[in-house]
Structures are given as C-alpha cells and as structure tokens.
Amino acid sequence: MATVNFSVPDEVKEKFNRVFKGRNKSQIIAELMERAIEEEAILKKRAKAIESILSRRGRRPAISIAAFRKAREEERP
C-alpha cells in the first residue's frame, strides 16, 4: 500500500478528524479519492459528449420553427 502526503487547511483536518473520529481515516480518504477519480472520468466523458453534439450541430442544416412544430405534431399520439 502506498503512502501519500497532502497539505490541507487546519480547519479541514480538525473537522475531518471530528466527523470521522474512531473510524479508519485511511480507508475514508481512499474512498474519497476513488470517488473523485470516478467523478472526474464522468466529467470528461460528459464534456466529450457535449463537444461531439456541438460539433455535429454546426454541420446539420437548420429547420424552420414551422417544420419543427409540424414534425413534433406528427409524432404525438
């Protein structure tokens, strides 16, 4: 198992120690790091999807509001 060393504000350390008193703090930090890694991956995937959608949007011909409304009405049950 690896050891990491991070500097955090004293208030954060005190709150963390108070909130997680009596618990395995290394396990909690590892879980928080895993969650941060997963969240970052989701953000990157989301940004890539948005970029893909926006890049295709510029290549598609625009339709009129009337055509949009007509298509919407035709698809309604």
PDB file of N, CA and C in Angstrom:
ATOM      1  N   MET A   1       0.853  -1.174   0.000  1.00  0.00           N
ATOM      2  CA  MET A   1       0.000   0.000   0.000  1.00  0.00           C
ATOM      3  C   MET A   1       0.898   1.237   0.000  1.00  0.00           C
ATOM      4  N   ALA A   2       0.494   2.249  -0.749  1.00  0.00           N
ATOM      5  CA  ALA A   2       1.268   3.475  -0.880  1.00  0.00           C
ATOM      6  C   ALA A   2       0.891   4.473   0.212  1.00  0.00           C
ATOM      7  N   THR A   3       1.799   5.370   0.473  1.00  0.00           N
ATOM      8  CA  THR A   3       1.559   6.455   1.417  1.00  0.00           C
ATOM      9  C   THR A   3       1.561   7.760   0.629  1.00  0.00           C
ATOM     10  N   VAL A   4       0.583   8.620   0.897  1.00  0.00           N
ATOM     11  CA  VAL A   4       0.517   9.923   0.242  1.00  0.00           C
ATOM     12  C   VAL A   4       0.561  11.010   1.310  1.00  0.00           C
ATOM     13  N   ASN A   5       1.017  12.173   0.902  1.00  0.00           N
ATOM     14  CA  ASN A   5       1.139  13.271   1.842  1.00  0.00           C
ATOM     15  C   ASN A   5       0.541  14.517   1.191  1.00  0.00           C
ATOM     16  N   PHE A   6      -0.552  15.022   1.763  1.00  0.00           N
ATOM     17  CA  PHE A   6      -1.213  16.216   1.256  1.00  0.00           C
ATOM     18  C   PHE A   6      -1.288  17.251   2.364  1.00  0.00           C
ATOM     19  N   SER A   7      -1.189  18.498   1.972  1.00  0.00           N
ATOM     20  CA  SER A   7      -1.376  19.584   2.933  1.00  0.00           C
ATOM     21  C   SER A   7      -2.815  20.079   2.798  1.00  0.00           C
ATOM     22  N   VAL A   8      -3.487  20.215   3.929  1.00  0.00           N
ATOM     23  CA  VAL A   8      -4.852  20.735   3.954  1.00  0.00           C
ATOM     24  C   VAL A   8      -4.932  21.803   5.033  1.00  0.00           C
ATOM     25  N   PRO A   9      -5.881  22.705   4.902  1.00  0.00           N
ATOM     26  CA  PRO A   9      -6.047  23.717   5.947  1.00  0.00           C
ATOM     27  C   PRO A   9      -6.336  23.050   7.304  1.00  0.00           C
ATOM     28  N   ASP A  10      -5.830  23.662   8.360  1.00  0.00           N
ATOM     29  CA  ASP A  10      -6.020  23.100   9.701  1.00  0.00           C
ATOM     30  C   ASP A  10      -7.492  22.878  10.028  1.00  0.00           C
ATOM     31  N   GLU A  11      -8.355  23.817   9.602  1.00  0.00           N
ATOM     32  CA  GLU A  11      -9.791  23.678   9.906  1.00  0.00           C
ATOM     33  C   GLU A  11     -10.370  22.418   9.265  1.00  0.00           C
ATOM     34  N   VAL A  12      -9.928  22.118   8.043  1.00  0.00           N
ATOM     35  CA  VAL A  12     -10.421  20.931   7.345  1.00  0.00           C
ATOM     36  C   VAL A  12      -9.968  19.676   8.081  1.00  0.00           C
ATOM     37  N   LYS A  13      -8.714  19.644   8.474  1.00  0.00           N
ATOM     38  CA  LYS A  13      -8.187  18.490   9.200  1.00  0.00           C
ATOM     39  C   LYS A  13      -8.942  18.288  10.510  1.00  0.00           C
ATOM     40  N   GLU A  14      -9.181  19.362  11.238  1.00  0.00           N
ATOM     41  CA  GLU A  14      -9.887  19.268  12.517  1.00  0.00           C
ATOM     42  C   GLU A  14     -11.319  18.762  12.319  1.00  0.00           C
ATOM     43  N   LYS A  15     -12.014  19.310  11.313  1.00  0.00           N
ATOM     44  CA  LYS A  15     -13.384  18.861  11.035  1.00  0.00           C
ATOM     45  C   LYS A  15     -13.394  17.394  10.621  1.00  0.00           C
ATOM     46  N   PHE A  16     -12.466  17.020   9.752  1.00  0.00           N
ATOM     47  CA  PHE A  16     -12.378  15.639   9.286  1.00  0.00           C
ATOM     48  C   PHE A  16     -12.167  14.696  10.467  1.00  0.00           C
ATOM     49  N   ASN A  17     -11.204  15.029  11.319  1.00  0.00           N
ATOM     50  CA  ASN A  17     -10.926  14.186  12.480  1.00  0.00           C
ATOM     51  C   ASN A  17     -12.125  14.103  13.419  1.00  0.00           C
ATOM     52  N   ARG A  18     -12.847  15.202  13.566  1.00  0.00           N
ATOM     53  CA  ARG A  18     -14.018  15.221  14.448  1.00  0.00           C
ATOM     54  C   ARG A  18     -15.155  14.382  13.857  1.00  0.00           C
ATOM     55  N   VAL A  19     -15.419  14.571  12.576  1.00  0.00           N
ATOM     56  CA  VAL A  19     -16.528  13.867  11.927  1.00  0.00           C
ATOM     57  C   VAL A  19     -16.262  12.362  11.842  1.00  0.00           C
ATOM     58  N   PHE A  20     -15.025  11.992  11.571  1.00  0.00           N
ATOM     59  CA  PHE A  20     -14.705  10.580  11.371  1.00  0.00           C
ATOM     60  C   PHE A  20     -13.944   9.972  12.553  1.00  0.00           C
ATOM     61  N   LYS A  21     -14.150  10.511  13.725  1.00  0.00           N
ATOM     62  CA  LYS A  21     -13.488  10.018  14.931  1.00  0.00           C
ATOM     63  C   LYS A  21     -13.779   8.526  15.124  1.00  0.00           C
ATOM     64  N   GLY A  22     -12.741   7.768  15.414  1.00  0.00           N
ATOM     65  CA  GLY A  22     -12.897   6.353  15.682  1.00  0.00           C
ATOM     66  C   GLY A  22     -13.026   5.473  14.439  1.00  0.00           C
ATOM     67  N   ARG A  23     -12.911   6.085  13.268  1.00  0.00           N
ATOM     68  CA  ARG A  23     -13.023   5.309  12.027  1.00  0.00           C
ATOM     69  C   ARG A  23     -11.674   5.242  11.328  1.00  0.00           C
ATOM     70  N   ASN A  24     -11.551   4.336  10.414  1.00  0.00           N
ATOM     71  CA  ASN A  24     -10.321   4.164   9.649  1.00  0.00           C
ATOM     72  C   ASN A  24     -10.213   5.304   8.637  1.00  0.00           C
ATOM     73  N   LYS A  25      -9.444   6.325   8.994  1.00  0.00           N
ATOM     74  CA  LYS A  25      -9.346   7.520   8.157  1.00  0.00           C
ATOM     75  C   LYS A  25      -8.653   7.243   6.828  1.00  0.00           C
ATOM     76  N   SER A  26      -7.706   6.310   6.826  1.00  0.00           N
ATOM     77  CA  SER A  26      -7.039   5.954   5.563  1.00  0.00           C
ATOM     78  C   SER A  26      -8.043   5.365   4.583  1.00  0.00           C
ATOM     79  N   GLN A  27      -8.938   4.524   5.072  1.00  0.00           N
ATOM     80  CA  GLN A  27      -9.961   3.929   4.214  1.00  0.00           C
ATOM     81  C   GLN A  27     -10.902   5.011   3.691  1.00  0.00           C
ATOM     82  N   ILE A  28     -11.280   5.947   4.541  1.00  0.00           N
ATOM     83  CA  ILE A  28     -12.173   7.029   4.131  1.00  0.00           C
ATOM     84  C   ILE A  28     -11.516   7.882   3.053  1.00  0.00           C
ATOM     85  N   ILE A  29     -10.255   8.239   3.242  1.00  0.00           N
ATOM     86  CA  ILE A  29      -9.534   9.040   2.252  1.00  0.00           C
ATOM     87  C   ILE A  29      -9.427   8.276   0.938  1.00  0.00           C
ATOM     88  N   ALA A  30      -9.137   6.980   1.005  1.00  0.00           N
ATOM     89  CA  ALA A  30      -9.043   6.167  -0.215  1.00  0.00           C
ATOM     90  C   ALA A  30     -10.380   6.148  -0.947  1.00  0.00           C
ATOM     91  N   GLU A  31     -11.482   6.004  -0.213  1.00  0.00           N
ATOM     92  CA  GLU A  31     -12.807   6.010  -0.839  1.00  0.00           C
ATOM     93  C   GLU A  31     -13.116   7.364  -1.467  1.00  0.00           C
ATOM     94  N   LEU A  32     -12.740   8.441  -0.780  1.00  0.00           N
ATOM     95  CA  LEU A  32     -12.961   9.784  -1.336  1.00  0.00           C
ATOM     96  C   LEU A  32     -12.135   9.990  -2.597  1.00  0.00           C
ATOM     97  N   MET A  33     -10.915   9.480  -2.597  1.00  0.00           N
ATOM     98  CA  MET A  33     -10.075   9.595  -3.785  1.00  0.00           C
ATOM     99  C   MET A  33     -10.674   8.807  -4.950  1.00  0.00           C
ATOM    100  N   GLU A  34     -11.159   7.603  -4.673  1.00  0.00           N
ATOM    101  CA  GLU A  34     -11.811   6.800  -5.712  1.00  0.00           C
ATOM    102  C   GLU A  34     -13.015   7.531  -6.284  1.00  0.00           C
ATOM    103  N   ARG A  35     -13.812   8.117  -5.400  1.00  0.00           N
ATOM    104  CA  ARG A  35     -14.995   8.859  -5.842  1.00  0.00           C
ATOM    105  C   ARG A  35     -14.592  10.055  -6.709  1.00  0.00           C
ATOM    106  N   ALA A  36     -13.537  10.757  -6.307  1.00  0.00           N
ATOM    107  CA  ALA A  36     -13.071  11.901  -7.091  1.00  0.00           C
ATOM    108  C   ALA A  36     -12.587  11.457  -8.465  1.00  0.00           C
ATOM    109  N   ILE A  37     -11.922  10.308  -8.537  1.00  0.00           N
ATOM    110  CA  ILE A  37     -11.451   9.772  -9.814  1.00  0.00           C
ATOM    111  C   ILE A  37     -12.643   9.437 -10.704  1.00  0.00           C
ATOM    112  N   GLU A  38     -13.658   8.786 -10.141  1.00  0.00           N
ATOM    113  CA  GLU A  38     -14.860   8.437 -10.910  1.00  0.00           C
ATOM    114  C   GLU A  38     -15.586   9.686 -11.394  1.00  0.00           C
ATOM    115  N   GLU A  39     -15.710  10.681 -10.531  1.00  0.00           N
ATOM    116  CA  GLU A  39     -16.387  11.921 -10.909  1.00  0.00           C
ATOM    117  C   GLU A  39     -15.638  12.640 -12.027  1.00  0.00           C
ATOM    118  N   GLU A  40     -14.316  12.637 -11.949  1.00  0.00           N
ATOM    119  CA  GLU A  40     -13.512  13.281 -12.994  1.00  0.00           C
ATOM    120  C   GLU A  40     -13.704  12.559 -14.327  1.00  0.00           C
ATOM    121  N   ALA A  41     -13.752  11.232 -14.300  1.00  0.00           N
ATOM    122  CA  ALA A  41     -13.975  10.463 -15.520  1.00  0.00           C
ATOM    123  C   ALA A  41     -15.344  10.784 -16.108  1.00  0.00           C
ATOM    124  N   ILE A  42     -16.348  10.912 -15.258  1.00  0.00           N
ATOM    125  CA  ILE A  42     -17.696  11.258 -15.726  1.00  0.00           C
ATOM    126  C   ILE A  42     -17.706  12.646 -16.346  1.00  0.00           C
ATOM    127  N   LEU A  43     -17.038  13.601 -15.706  1.00  0.00           N
ATOM    128  CA  LEU A  43     -16.983  14.964 -16.247  1.00  0.00           C
ATOM    129  C   LEU A  43     -16.307  14.992 -17.610  1.00  0.00           C
ATOM    130  N   LYS A  44     -15.219  14.229 -17.751  1.00  0.00           N
ATOM    131  CA  LYS A  44     -14.516  14.193 -19.034  1.00  0.00           C
ATOM    132  C   LYS A  44     -15.384  13.547 -20.106  1.00  0.00           C
ATOM    133  N   LYS A  45     -16.073  12.468 -19.754  1.00  0.00           N
ATOM    134  CA  LYS A  45     -16.950  11.790 -20.705  1.00  0.00           C
ATOM    135  C   LYS A  45     -18.091  12.715 -21.120  1.00  0.00           C
ATOM    136  N   ARG A  46     -18.653  13.427 -20.154  1.00  0.00           N
ATOM    137  CA  ARG A  46     -19.743  14.363 -20.424  1.00  0.00           C
ATOM    138  C   ARG A  46     -19.265  15.490 -21.342  1.00  0.00           C
ATOM    139  N   ALA A  47     -18.077  16.038 -21.060  1.00  0.00           N
ATOM    140  CA  ALA A  47     -17.540  17.121 -21.883  1.00  0.00           C
ATOM    141  C   ALA A  47     -17.296  16.642 -23.310  1.00  0.00           C
ATOM    142  N   LYS A  48     -16.798  15.410 -23.452  1.00  0.00           N
ATOM    143  CA  LYS A  48     -16.560  14.852 -24.783  1.00  0.00           C
ATOM    144  C   LYS A  48     -17.878  14.683 -25.538  1.00  0.00           C
ATOM    145  N   ALA A  49     -18.919  14.224 -24.839  1.00  0.00           N
ATOM    146  CA  ALA A  49     -20.230  14.056 -25.476  1.00  0.00           C
ATOM    147  C   ALA A  49     -20.800  15.402 -25.921  1.00  0.00           C
ATOM    148  N   ILE A  50     -20.690  16.398 -25.062  1.00  0.00           N
ATOM    149  CA  ILE A  50     -21.189  17.740 -25.406  1.00  0.00           C
ATOM    150  C   ILE A  50     -20.435  18.287 -26.609  1.00  0.00           C
ATOM    151  N   GLU A  51     -19.111  18.116 -26.592  1.00  0.00           N
ATOM    152  CA  GLU A  51     -18.297  18.592 -27.711  1.00  0.00           C
ATOM    153  C   GLU A  51     -18.709  17.904 -29.013  1.00  0.00           C
ATOM    154  N   SER A  52     -18.977  16.610 -28.935  1.00  0.00           N
ATOM    155  CA  SER A  52     -19.405  15.858 -30.116  1.00  0.00           C
ATOM    156  C   SER A  52     -20.749  16.364 -30.633  1.00  0.00           C
ATOM    157  N   ILE A  53     -21.686  16.582 -29.732  1.00  0.00           N
ATOM    158  CA  ILE A  53     -23.010  17.079 -30.119  1.00  0.00           C
ATOM    159  C   ILE A  53     -22.899  18.459 -30.758  1.00  0.00           C
ATOM    160  N   LEU A  54     -22.132  19.329 -30.125  1.00  0.00           N
ATOM    161  CA  LEU A  54     -21.998  20.690 -30.655  1.00  0.00           C
ATOM    162  C   LEU A  54     -21.283  20.711 -31.997  1.00  0.00           C
ATOM    163  N   SER A  55     -20.318  19.830 -32.186  1.00  0.00           N
ATOM    164  CA  SER A  55     -19.603  19.815 -33.467  1.00  0.00           C
ATOM    165  C   SER A  55     -20.523  19.339 -34.592  1.00  0.00           C
ATOM    166  N   ARG A  56     -21.405  18.385 -34.297  1.00  0.00           N
ATOM    167  CA  ARG A  56     -22.357  17.913 -35.309  1.00  0.00           C
ATOM    168  C   ARG A  56     -23.436  18.935 -35.568  1.00  0.00           C
ATOM    169  N   ARG A  57     -23.760  19.705 -34.558  1.00  0.00           N
ATOM    170  CA  ARG A  57     -24.837  20.695 -34.691  1.00  0.00           C
ATOM    171  C   ARG A  57     -24.524  21.702 -35.788  1.00  0.00           C
ATOM    172  N   GLY A  58     -23.284  22.093 -35.892  1.00  0.00           N
ATOM    173  CA  GLY A  58     -22.897  23.067 -36.910  1.00  0.00           C
ATOM    174  C   GLY A  58     -22.944  22.522 -38.318  1.00  0.00           C
ATOM    175  N   ARG A  59     -22.902  21.212 -38.462  1.00  0.00           N
ATOM    176  CA  ARG A  59     -22.909  20.590 -39.791  1.00  0.00           C
ATOM    177  C   ARG A  59     -24.309  20.225 -40.267  1.00  0.00           C
ATOM    178  N   ARG A  60     -25.275  20.294 -39.387  1.00  0.00           N
ATOM    179  CA  ARG A  60     -26.657  19.928 -39.748  1.00  0.00           C
ATOM    180  C   ARG A  60     -27.390  21.160 -40.259  1.00  0.00           C
ATOM    181  N   PRO A  61     -28.224  20.990 -41.276  1.00  0.00           N
ATOM    182  CA  PRO A  61     -28.996  22.143 -41.756  1.00  0.00           C
ATOM    183  C   PRO A  61     -30.056  22.550 -40.728  1.00  0.00           C
ATOM    184  N   ALA A  62     -30.255  23.830 -40.589  1.00  0.00           N
ATOM    185  CA  ALA A  62     -31.274  24.335 -39.670  1.00  0.00           C
ATOM    186  C   ALA A  62     -32.655  24.118 -40.274  1.00  0.00           C
ATOM    187  N   ILE A  63     -33.637  23.898 -39.422  1.00  0.00           N
ATOM    188  CA  ILE A  63     -35.019  23.791 -39.912  1.00  0.00           C
ATOM    189  C   ILE A  63     -35.810  24.957 -39.354  1.00  0.00           C
ATOM    190  N   SER A  64     -36.886  25.259 -40.015  1.00  0.00           N
ATOM    191  CA  SER A  64     -37.714  26.382 -39.564  1.00  0.00           C
ATOM    192  C   SER A  64     -38.539  25.957 -38.346  1.00  0.00           C
ATOM    193  N   ILE A  65     -39.028  26.933 -37.644  1.00  0.00           N
ATOM    194  CA  ILE A  65     -39.892  26.655 -36.498  1.00  0.00           C
ATOM    195  C   ILE A  65     -41.146  25.932 -36.957  1.00  0.00           C
ATOM    196  N   ALA A  66     -41.665  26.325 -38.097  1.00  0.00           N
ATOM    197  CA  ALA A  66     -42.872  25.682 -38.628  1.00  0.00           C
ATOM    198  C   ALA A  66     -42.615  24.201 -38.912  1.00  0.00           C
ATOM    199  N   ALA A  67     -41.472  23.888 -39.508  1.00  0.00           N
ATOM    200  CA  ALA A  67     -41.138  22.493 -39.802  1.00  0.00           C
ATOM    201  C   ALA A  67     -40.952  21.704 -38.512  1.00  0.00           C
ATOM    202  N   PHE A  68     -40.342  22.334 -37.531  1.00  0.00           N
ATOM    203  CA  PHE A  68     -40.152  21.689 -36.233  1.00  0.00           C
ATOM    204  C   PHE A  68     -41.502  21.374 -35.591  1.00  0.00           C
ATOM    205  N   ARG A  69     -42.387  22.356 -35.575  1.00  0.00           N
ATOM    206  CA  ARG A  69     -43.716  22.150 -34.982  1.00  0.00           C
ATOM    207  C   ARG A  69     -44.487  21.054 -35.709  1.00  0.00           C
ATOM    208  N   LYS A  70     -44.386  21.047 -37.041  1.00  0.00           N
ATOM    209  CA  LYS A  70     -45.086  20.038 -37.834  1.00  0.00           C
ATOM    210  C   LYS A  70     -44.566  18.641 -37.483  1.00  0.00           C
ATOM    211  N   ALA A  71     -43.264  18.490 -37.406  1.00  0.00           N
ATOM    212  CA  ALA A  71     -42.672  17.191 -37.064  1.00  0.00           C
ATOM    213  C   ALA A  71     -43.076  16.763 -35.662  1.00  0.00           C
ATOM    214  N   ARG A  72     -43.099  17.710 -34.754  1.00  0.00           N
ATOM    215  CA  ARG A  72     -43.486  17.401 -33.377  1.00  0.00           C
ATOM    216  C   ARG A  72     -44.929  16.948 -33.307  1.00  0.00           C
ATOM    217  N   GLU A  73     -45.791  17.627 -34.014  1.00  0.00           N
ATOM    218  CA  GLU A  73     -47.203  17.265 -34.014  1.00  0.00           C
ATOM    219  C   GLU A  73     -47.440  15.901 -34.660  1.00  0.00           C
ATOM    220  N   GLU A  74     -46.688  15.611 -35.706  1.00  0.00           N
ATOM    221  CA  GLU A  74     -46.847  14.320 -36.387  1.00  0.00           C
ATOM    222  C   GLU A  74     -46.430  13.155 -35.496  1.00  0.00           C
ATOM    223  N   GLU A  75     -45.528  13.381 -34.583  1.00  0.00           N
ATOM    224  CA  GLU A  75     -45.031  12.313 -33.711  1.00  0.00           C
ATOM    225  C   GLU A  75     -45.876  12.127 -32.450  1.00  0.00           C
ATOM    226  N   ARG A  76     -46.748  13.044 -32.173  1.00  0.00           N
ATOM    227  CA  ARG A  76     -47.591  12.927 -30.974  1.00  0.00           C
ATOM    228  C   ARG A  76     -48.701  11.911 -31.209  1.00  0.00           C
ATOM    229  N   PRO A  77     -49.010  11.113 -30.192  1.00  0.00           N
ATOM    230  CA  PRO A  77     -50.081  10.116 -30.346  1.00  0.00           C
ATOM    231  C   PRO A  77     -51.448  10.756 -30.437  1.00  0.00           C
TER     232      PRO A  77
END
